[in-house]
């Protein structure tokens, strides 16, 4: 594995082994206890996190932070190792899923009893399928939606805010895609017009999910007595306002500046639960709280390039960033969509720079960070995100950084319009 050095001679031993190459994917976690309770595409492998903690020399008594914690890979791994952790997540539904996963200390028997009560009360309830938005009605057969609605209404009736109640909420949330006839695109976008063959009956799926969770709870109980994680449903750009203790290490993967709308990924689940009624609600409910990483976000916020480039956070990369942004502003005029990539990239760098300043405040002197990160090339204009983040880290007060390439990205688009070679890797920051 080749090390891509940036600014300084490598002082951290490189990761080795097959798991390091899979750091950027969540798929391995779907065979692991607790991690598998909900599949969230944005994430990395749990085994890789454990390997990084070992390489860093992080053990009991240390505090690990993930400012983009997602569905909880880092804190779950830390729990199995007896390490205190803090996670921050701005997406409200993802934060709730993460918090629910970390309720593994709950008794399996209490979970079983609560699930049985929900299942029993669901039978014979009057269903209200017509009250669901069109996305949900189109995504389920009528008899399937009737069963799911019965489970939902039954849970709402008996919800007592207990850990076992929240775990049953997670179980029901986790089976929605398996019981839906709608297809799912890459990154969890739901496709109601594309039906799939294998649809799991909802009552069976619910029972099976609860049994998996009970088994995993027992597995965790053999390894730890309680969770040592604290999950904050908040903003990484203001993380120092929510964390009193100083942290020894940061392991994370921020949103990539690749125009993926993280807010839209779980619109299906949010619509089922009534958190949103349609795509138009997503911005106010979720997107406006997230790091700017999609053109939908930057266009909706009506961001101004001049103001973004004047922010203190981007000062160390201002000249280079301005060149790319101006190129994007000109190139967009030649494209039908005229997407706001120019403001997206500028706002993304502003936001990541702000996060780095916050991390400097909460990290102990000499703390080490490992970011899984990828570069970007909207409209073919290359953005060296790893370099820019490293430069902003130095300006925030960290001592040094280096980038370690793990894999090439964008290779499957070679015969299409996206031809700029991209990469993904580990950005190590120290100081």
Protein backbone atom coordinates (compact mmCIF):
# COMPACT_ATOMS: atom_id res chain seq x y z
CA UNK A 1 0.00 0.00 0.00
CA UNK A 2 1.53 3.25 -1.14
CA UNK A 3 1.55 6.17 1.28
CA UNK A 4 0.74 9.51 -0.29
CA UNK A 5 2.73 11.97 1.81
CA UNK A 6 1.53 15.51 2.34
CA UNK A 7 3.78 18.11 3.96
CA UNK A 8 5.67 15.89 6.33
CA UNK A 9 7.47 12.60 6.63
CA UNK A 10 5.10 9.85 7.78
CA UNK A 11 5.19 9.36 11.52
CA UNK A 12 2.26 6.96 11.81
CA UNK A 13 2.56 3.36 10.70
CA UNK A 14 0.25 2.64 7.74
CA UNK A 15 -2.66 0.28 8.12
CA UNK A 16 -2.21 -3.07 6.45
CA UNK A 17 -4.50 -5.93 5.56
CA UNK A 18 -7.67 -6.39 3.57
CA UNK A 19 -9.90 -4.60 6.06
CA UNK A 20 -8.08 -1.31 5.59
CA UNK A 21 -9.09 -1.33 1.94
CA UNK A 22 -12.73 -1.64 3.00
CA UNK A 23 -12.67 1.31 5.39
CA UNK A 24 -15.01 3.26 3.15
CA UNK A 25 -17.89 0.77 3.11
CA UNK A 26 -20.57 -0.27 5.60
CA UNK A 27 -21.38 -3.58 3.91
CA UNK A 28 -19.12 -5.69 6.15
CA UNK A 29 -21.05 -4.50 9.19
CA UNK A 30 -24.25 -6.24 8.08
CA UNK A 31 -22.87 -9.51 9.44
CA UNK A 32 -21.90 -8.01 12.81
CA UNK A 33 -23.99 -7.86 16.02
CA UNK A 34 -25.74 -4.52 16.71
CA UNK A 35 -24.19 -2.89 13.63
CA UNK A 36 -26.61 -4.90 11.48
CA UNK A 37 -29.72 -3.54 13.17
CA UNK A 38 -30.06 -0.90 10.48
CA UNK A 39 -28.31 -0.56 7.14
CA UNK A 40 -27.08 2.95 6.49
CA UNK A 41 -25.00 3.29 3.34
CA UNK A 42 -22.80 6.15 4.55
CA UNK A 43 -20.26 4.49 6.79
CA UNK A 44 -17.18 2.33 7.16
CA UNK A 45 -16.27 -1.15 8.39
CA UNK A 46 -16.32 -1.83 12.14
CA UNK A 47 -13.26 -4.09 11.93
CA UNK A 48 -11.33 -1.24 10.37
CA UNK A 49 -12.29 1.09 13.25
CA UNK A 50 -10.98 -1.45 15.75
CA UNK A 51 -7.76 -1.72 13.77
CA UNK A 52 -7.30 2.07 13.75
CA UNK A 53 -7.88 2.26 17.50
CA UNK A 54 -5.24 -0.42 18.00
CA UNK A 55 -2.77 1.37 15.73
CA UNK A 56 -3.40 4.61 17.62
CA UNK A 57 -2.86 2.91 20.97
CA UNK A 58 -6.33 3.93 22.16
CA UNK A 59 -7.73 1.88 25.03
CA UNK A 60 -9.68 2.14 28.26
CA UNK A 61 -9.47 5.57 29.83
CA UNK A 62 -9.37 7.37 26.48
CA UNK A 63 -12.21 9.27 24.79
CA UNK A 64 -12.93 8.87 21.07
CA UNK A 65 -15.02 11.32 19.05
CA UNK A 66 -16.85 10.88 15.76
CA UNK A 67 -18.30 14.26 14.70
CA UNK A 68 -20.17 12.61 11.80
CA UNK A 69 -21.24 9.50 13.67
CA UNK A 70 -23.98 8.31 11.30
CA UNK A 71 -25.60 5.10 12.49
CA UNK A 72 -22.97 4.52 15.16
CA UNK A 73 -20.11 2.33 13.93
CA UNK A 74 -17.42 4.08 16.01
CA UNK A 75 -19.30 4.15 19.36
CA UNK A 76 -20.47 0.56 19.00
CA UNK A 77 -16.90 -0.60 18.40
CA UNK A 78 -15.73 1.49 21.35
CA UNK A 79 -18.37 -0.13 23.56
CA UNK A 80 -17.07 -3.59 22.73
CA UNK A 81 -13.57 -2.42 23.71
CA UNK A 82 -14.58 -0.59 26.90
CA UNK A 83 -13.64 2.82 25.48
CA UNK A 84 -15.64 5.98 26.17
CA UNK A 85 -16.94 7.67 23.03
CA UNK A 86 -18.91 10.68 21.84
CA UNK A 87 -20.81 10.86 18.57
CA UNK A 88 -22.40 13.87 16.88
CA UNK A 89 -25.01 13.53 14.14
CA UNK A 90 -27.03 16.33 12.53
CA UNK A 91 -29.56 14.17 10.64
CA UNK A 92 -32.39 13.73 13.18
CA UNK A 93 -33.53 10.28 12.05
CA UNK A 94 -29.98 8.93 11.74
CA UNK A 95 -29.16 10.29 15.20
CA UNK A 96 -32.21 8.50 16.60
CA UNK A 97 -31.20 5.24 14.94
CA UNK A 98 -27.71 5.60 16.39
CA UNK A 99 -29.04 6.26 19.88
CA UNK A 100 -31.35 3.26 19.62
CA UNK A 101 -28.50 0.94 18.64
CA UNK A 102 -26.63 2.00 21.75
CA UNK A 103 -29.50 0.78 23.94
CA UNK A 104 -28.03 -2.72 23.66
CA UNK A 105 -27.71 -2.90 27.46
CA UNK A 106 -31.49 -3.39 27.60
CA UNK A 107 -32.72 -6.83 28.69
CA UNK A 108 -33.48 -9.13 25.77
CA UNK A 109 -36.48 -10.41 27.72
CA UNK A 110 -37.95 -6.92 28.12
CA UNK A 111 -37.47 -6.32 24.42
CA UNK A 112 -39.19 -9.61 23.64
CA UNK A 113 -42.17 -8.82 25.89
CA UNK A 114 -42.62 -5.33 24.47
CA UNK A 115 -42.41 -6.58 20.87
CA UNK A 116 -44.97 -9.29 21.64
CA UNK A 117 -47.34 -6.68 23.06
CA UNK A 118 -46.98 -4.52 19.96
CA UNK A 119 -47.53 -7.50 17.66
CA UNK A 120 -50.55 -8.66 19.63
CA UNK A 121 -52.21 -5.25 19.71
CA UNK A 122 -51.61 -4.77 16.00
CA UNK A 123 -53.99 -7.54 15.00
CA UNK A 124 -57.45 -6.39 14.11
CA UNK A 125 -56.68 -2.66 14.20
CA UNK A 126 -58.42 -0.38 11.73
CA UNK A 127 -55.91 0.62 9.08
CA UNK A 128 -55.65 4.11 7.59
CA UNK A 129 -53.64 3.52 4.42
CA UNK A 130 -55.23 6.43 2.57
CA UNK A 131 -53.67 8.85 5.05
CA UNK A 132 -50.15 7.97 3.90
CA UNK A 133 -48.39 10.13 1.31
CA UNK A 134 -48.25 8.79 -2.24
CA UNK A 135 -44.62 7.64 -1.86
CA UNK A 136 -45.65 5.13 0.81
CA UNK A 137 -48.83 3.99 -0.95
CA UNK A 138 -46.88 3.32 -4.16
CA UNK A 139 -44.10 1.48 -2.34
CA UNK A 140 -46.17 -1.23 -0.65
CA UNK A 141 -48.85 -3.68 -1.61
CA UNK A 142 -52.08 -2.76 0.17
CA UNK A 143 -52.14 -5.81 2.45
CA UNK A 144 -48.49 -5.26 3.45
CA UNK A 145 -49.07 -1.60 4.28
CA UNK A 146 -52.10 -2.60 6.33
CA UNK A 147 -49.95 -4.85 8.54
CA UNK A 148 -47.21 -2.21 8.87
CA UNK A 149 -49.77 0.45 9.74
CA UNK A 150 -51.18 -1.85 12.41
CA UNK A 151 -47.73 -2.33 13.92
CA UNK A 152 -47.06 1.41 13.80
CA UNK A 153 -50.36 2.35 15.47
CA UNK A 154 -49.89 -0.37 18.06
CA UNK A 155 -46.41 0.91 18.92
CA UNK A 156 -47.68 4.49 19.16
CA UNK A 157 -50.35 3.32 21.59
CA UNK A 158 -47.96 1.58 24.00
CA UNK A 159 -44.82 3.70 23.56
CA UNK A 160 -43.60 4.56 27.06
CA UNK A 161 -40.22 6.07 26.02
CA UNK A 162 -38.44 3.07 27.52
CA UNK A 163 -35.31 1.54 25.94
CA UNK A 164 -37.28 -1.52 24.85
CA UNK A 165 -39.91 0.70 23.22
CA UNK A 166 -37.24 2.55 21.26
CA UNK A 167 -35.69 -0.73 20.16
CA UNK A 168 -39.05 -1.91 18.86
CA UNK A 169 -39.34 1.39 16.97
CA UNK A 170 -35.96 0.62 15.41
CA UNK A 171 -37.03 -2.94 14.53
CA UNK A 172 -40.09 -1.64 12.69
CA UNK A 173 -38.07 1.07 10.95
CA UNK A 174 -35.44 -1.48 9.89
CA UNK A 175 -37.92 -3.76 8.08
CA UNK A 176 -39.60 -1.13 5.92
CA UNK A 177 -37.36 -1.64 2.89
CA UNK A 178 -37.39 -5.42 3.11
CA UNK A 179 -41.20 -5.43 3.11
CA UNK A 180 -41.55 -2.83 0.36
CA UNK A 181 -42.00 -3.74 -3.28
CA UNK A 182 -40.11 -0.59 -4.33
CA UNK A 183 -36.54 -0.88 -5.51
CA UNK A 184 -33.66 0.96 -3.91
CA UNK A 185 -30.99 2.80 -5.87
CA UNK A 186 -27.40 3.22 -4.80
CA UNK A 187 -27.10 5.20 -1.56
CA UNK A 188 -30.62 4.20 -0.43
CA UNK A 189 -32.68 6.42 -2.75
CA UNK A 190 -36.10 4.74 -3.00
CA UNK A 191 -37.45 3.89 -6.50
CA UNK A 192 -41.24 3.30 -6.41
CA UNK A 193 -41.37 2.80 -10.19
CA UNK A 194 -38.85 -0.05 -10.01
CA UNK A 195 -40.36 -3.04 -8.25
CA UNK A 196 -38.38 -5.91 -6.77
CA UNK A 197 -39.22 -9.60 -6.63
CA UNK A 198 -38.28 -10.52 -3.09
CA UNK A 199 -40.63 -8.93 -0.57
CA UNK A 200 -40.60 -10.23 2.99
CA UNK A 201 -43.97 -10.56 4.79
CA UNK A 202 -44.05 -7.81 7.46
CA UNK A 203 -45.06 -9.89 10.49
CA UNK A 204 -42.32 -12.40 9.71
CA UNK A 205 -39.78 -9.63 9.08
CA UNK A 206 -40.69 -7.94 12.38
CA UNK A 207 -40.35 -11.17 14.40
CA UNK A 208 -37.08 -12.01 12.67
CA UNK A 209 -35.65 -8.53 13.31
CA UNK A 210 -36.56 -8.71 17.00
CA UNK A 211 -34.94 -12.16 17.30
CA UNK A 212 -31.74 -10.83 15.70
CA UNK A 213 -31.70 -7.92 18.11
CA UNK A 214 -32.28 -10.19 21.12
CA UNK A 215 -29.41 -12.43 20.05
CA UNK A 216 -27.10 -9.47 19.54
CA UNK A 217 -28.04 -7.99 22.91
CA UNK A 218 -27.02 -11.23 24.62
CA UNK A 219 -23.78 -11.22 22.62
CA UNK A 220 -22.99 -7.70 23.77
CA UNK A 221 -23.84 -8.51 27.39
CA UNK A 222 -21.01 -11.05 27.41
CA UNK A 223 -18.58 -8.29 26.44
CA UNK A 224 -19.72 -5.20 28.29
CA UNK A 225 -22.10 -4.17 31.06
CA UNK A 226 -23.19 -0.80 29.76
CA UNK A 227 -22.70 1.57 26.88
CA UNK A 228 -19.96 4.17 27.36
CA UNK A 229 -21.18 6.26 24.42
CA UNK A 230 -22.90 9.64 24.37
CA UNK A 231 -24.69 10.58 21.18
CA UNK A 232 -25.46 14.23 20.48
CA UNK A 233 -28.15 15.07 17.94
CA UNK A 234 -26.39 18.22 16.85
CA UNK A 235 -24.04 20.02 14.51
CA UNK A 236 -20.34 19.20 14.10
CA UNK A 237 -19.76 22.87 13.30
CA UNK A 238 -20.60 23.74 16.92
CA UNK A 239 -19.37 20.57 18.60
CA UNK A 240 -17.35 22.36 21.27
CA UNK A 241 -20.59 23.76 22.70
CA UNK A 242 -21.80 20.23 23.47
CA UNK A 243 -18.64 18.46 24.70
CA UNK A 244 -17.06 19.29 28.03
CA UNK A 245 -14.31 16.67 28.06
CA UNK A 246 -11.23 16.71 25.81
CA UNK A 247 -10.83 13.80 23.40
CA UNK A 248 -7.81 11.63 22.63
CA UNK A 249 -8.72 10.60 19.09
CA UNK A 250 -11.14 11.33 16.25
CA UNK A 251 -12.24 8.69 13.75
CA UNK A 252 -14.77 9.87 11.20
CA UNK A 253 -15.92 10.17 7.62
CA UNK A 254 -17.46 13.52 6.71
CA UNK A 255 -19.95 13.91 3.86
CA UNK A 256 -18.22 13.86 0.48
CA UNK A 257 -18.55 16.87 -1.83
CA UNK A 258 -20.03 14.69 -4.55
CA UNK A 259 -23.58 16.07 -4.77
CA UNK A 260 -25.11 13.19 -2.82
CA UNK A 261 -28.14 14.46 -0.90
CA UNK A 262 -27.66 12.86 2.51
CA UNK A 263 -30.92 14.46 3.67
CA UNK A 264 -32.90 12.53 1.07
CA UNK A 265 -31.43 9.08 1.79
CA UNK A 266 -33.95 8.19 4.52
CA UNK A 267 -36.93 10.17 3.20
CA UNK A 268 -38.74 6.83 2.80
CA UNK A 269 -38.53 6.03 6.51
CA UNK A 270 -39.27 9.61 7.58
CA UNK A 271 -42.37 9.66 5.38
CA UNK A 272 -43.68 6.42 6.88
CA UNK A 273 -43.37 7.85 10.39
CA UNK A 274 -44.90 11.20 9.42
CA UNK A 275 -41.75 13.26 9.94
CA UNK A 276 -42.11 14.61 6.38
CA UNK A 277 -44.88 14.45 3.81
CA UNK A 278 -42.77 14.77 0.69
CA UNK A 279 -39.49 15.75 -0.91
CA UNK A 280 -40.28 19.43 -0.44
CA UNK A 281 -40.21 19.04 3.35
CA UNK A 282 -36.72 17.55 3.43
CA UNK A 283 -34.80 20.82 3.43
CA UNK A 284 -36.46 22.35 6.48
CA UNK A 285 -36.63 19.03 8.34
CA UNK A 286 -33.10 17.80 7.66
CA UNK A 287 -30.92 19.32 4.94
CA UNK A 288 -30.48 22.78 6.42
CA UNK A 289 -28.82 21.25 9.48
CA UNK A 290 -26.20 19.32 7.49
CA UNK A 291 -22.81 20.13 6.01
CA UNK A 292 -23.36 21.56 2.54
CA UNK A 293 -22.43 18.76 0.13
CA UNK A 294 -25.13 18.89 -2.55
CA UNK A 295 -26.17 21.49 -5.10
CA UNK A 296 -29.76 21.19 -3.84
CA UNK A 297 -28.58 22.49 -0.49
CA UNK A 298 -26.52 25.40 -1.78
CA UNK A 299 -29.17 26.53 -4.27
CA UNK A 300 -31.94 26.39 -1.66
CA UNK A 301 -29.86 28.47 0.75
CA UNK A 302 -29.14 31.01 -2.02
CA UNK A 303 -25.48 31.13 -1.00
CA UNK A 304 -23.18 33.81 -2.40
CA UNK A 305 -19.69 32.89 -3.58
CA UNK A 306 -18.13 36.18 -2.52
CA UNK A 307 -19.35 35.81 1.05
CA UNK A 308 -18.26 32.16 1.26
CA UNK A 309 -14.74 32.92 0.04
CA UNK A 310 -14.35 35.68 2.62
CA UNK A 311 -14.97 33.39 5.59
CA UNK A 312 -12.04 32.81 7.92
CA UNK A 313 -12.41 29.02 7.68
CA UNK A 314 -11.29 28.90 4.02
CA UNK A 315 -8.50 31.47 4.32
CA UNK A 316 -5.60 28.96 3.93
CA UNK A 317 -7.02 27.63 0.64
CA UNK A 318 -8.80 30.77 -0.56
CA UNK A 319 -6.79 31.41 -3.73
CA UNK A 320 -6.91 27.82 -4.98
CA UNK A 321 -10.56 27.41 -3.98
CA UNK A 322 -11.51 30.67 -5.69
CA UNK A 323 -9.95 29.48 -8.96
CA UNK A 324 -11.99 26.26 -8.92
CA UNK A 325 -15.17 28.03 -7.86
CA UNK A 326 -14.89 30.58 -10.66
CA UNK A 327 -14.29 27.81 -13.17
CA UNK A 328 -17.45 26.05 -11.96
CA UNK A 329 -19.43 29.28 -12.11
CA UNK A 330 -18.46 29.66 -15.78
CA UNK A 331 -18.82 26.00 -16.78
CA UNK A 332 -22.33 25.66 -15.31
CA UNK A 333 -23.63 28.04 -17.95
CA UNK A 334 -22.87 25.40 -20.59
CA UNK A 335 -24.93 22.70 -18.81
CA UNK A 336 -28.67 22.37 -18.95
CA UNK A 337 -29.09 21.85 -15.23
CA UNK A 338 -26.84 24.77 -14.29
CA UNK A 339 -26.25 23.15 -10.93
CA UNK A 340 -24.87 25.28 -8.14
CA UNK A 341 -21.63 23.35 -7.78
CA UNK A 342 -19.66 26.58 -7.40
CA UNK A 343 -21.45 27.56 -4.20
CA UNK A 344 -21.64 23.93 -3.06
CA UNK A 345 -17.85 23.49 -3.10
CA UNK A 346 -17.22 26.85 -1.44
CA UNK A 347 -19.80 26.17 1.29
CA UNK A 348 -18.50 22.63 1.80
CA UNK A 349 -14.99 23.94 2.47
CA UNK A 350 -16.35 26.65 4.75
CA UNK A 351 -18.26 24.04 6.77
CA UNK A 352 -15.40 21.54 7.01
CA UNK A 353 -13.04 24.36 8.01
CA UNK A 354 -15.44 25.33 10.78
CA UNK A 355 -15.54 21.72 11.99
CA UNK A 356 -11.76 21.59 12.13
CA UNK A 357 -11.61 24.71 14.30
CA UNK A 358 -14.15 23.10 16.62
CA UNK A 359 -12.16 19.87 16.77
CA UNK A 360 -9.02 21.77 17.71
CA UNK A 361 -10.90 23.06 20.75
CA UNK A 362 -12.04 19.64 21.94
CA UNK A 363 -8.94 17.60 21.08
CA UNK A 364 -6.18 17.14 23.63
CA UNK A 365 -2.69 18.32 22.63
CA UNK A 366 -1.16 15.58 20.53
CA UNK A 367 -4.52 14.03 19.67
CA UNK A 368 -4.73 12.08 16.44
CA UNK A 369 -7.47 12.05 13.83
CA UNK A 370 -8.25 9.69 10.96
CA UNK A 371 -10.74 10.81 8.34
CA UNK A 372 -12.06 8.58 5.55
CA UNK A 373 -12.35 11.08 2.74
CA UNK A 374 -12.73 11.38 -1.02
CA UNK A 375 -12.01 14.07 -3.59
CA UNK A 376 -14.46 15.58 -6.06
CA UNK A 377 -14.77 16.81 -9.66
CA UNK A 378 -18.17 18.44 -10.32
CA UNK A 379 -18.58 19.35 -13.98
CA UNK A 380 -15.05 17.99 -14.44
CA UNK A 381 -13.40 20.67 -12.27
CA UNK A 382 -11.07 18.77 -9.94
CA UNK A 383 -11.22 19.60 -6.22
CA UNK A 384 -8.31 18.19 -4.14
CA UNK A 385 -10.46 17.81 -1.03
CA UNK A 386 -7.86 15.83 0.94
CA UNK A 387 -5.26 18.55 0.42
CA UNK A 388 -7.68 21.35 1.21
CA UNK A 389 -8.87 19.69 4.42
CA UNK A 390 -5.26 19.10 5.46
CA UNK A 391 -4.35 22.73 4.85
CA UNK A 392 -7.36 23.93 6.82
CA UNK A 393 -6.42 21.56 9.65
CA UNK A 394 -2.99 23.19 9.90
CA UNK A 395 -4.60 26.64 9.97
CA UNK A 396 -6.93 25.45 12.74
CA UNK A 397 -3.93 24.62 14.91
CA UNK A 398 -3.07 20.99 14.17
CA UNK A 399 0.59 20.19 13.53
CA UNK A 400 0.71 17.93 10.50
CA UNK A 401 -1.25 15.78 8.08
CA UNK A 402 -0.77 13.16 5.42
CA UNK A 403 -3.04 11.35 2.99
CA UNK A 404 -3.00 7.61 2.37
CA UNK A 405 -4.77 6.51 -0.80
CA UNK A 406 -6.86 3.36 -0.47
CA UNK A 407 -8.69 3.02 -3.77
CA UNK A 408 -9.66 4.66 -7.03
CA UNK A 409 -13.16 6.01 -7.48
CA UNK A 410 -15.21 6.97 -10.53
CA UNK A 411 -13.75 4.12 -12.59
CA UNK A 412 -17.12 2.74 -13.73
CA UNK A 413 -17.98 6.04 -15.41
CA UNK A 414 -15.04 5.95 -17.86
CA UNK A 415 -17.27 5.60 -20.90
CA UNK A 416 -19.64 8.32 -19.77
CA UNK A 417 -19.35 12.04 -19.11
CA UNK A 418 -17.58 11.74 -15.74
CA UNK A 419 -14.00 11.06 -16.73
CA UNK A 420 -11.88 12.69 -14.01
CA UNK A 421 -10.11 10.02 -11.94
CA UNK A 422 -10.94 10.25 -8.25
CA UNK A 423 -9.69 8.53 -5.13
CA UNK A 424 -10.65 7.68 -1.58
CA UNK A 425 -8.32 7.30 1.36
CA UNK A 426 -7.33 8.15 4.89
CA UNK A 427 -6.44 11.64 5.97
CA UNK A 428 -4.29 11.47 9.12
CA UNK A 429 -4.13 14.67 11.17
CA UNK A 430 -2.04 15.11 14.32
CA UNK A 431 -1.16 17.71 16.89
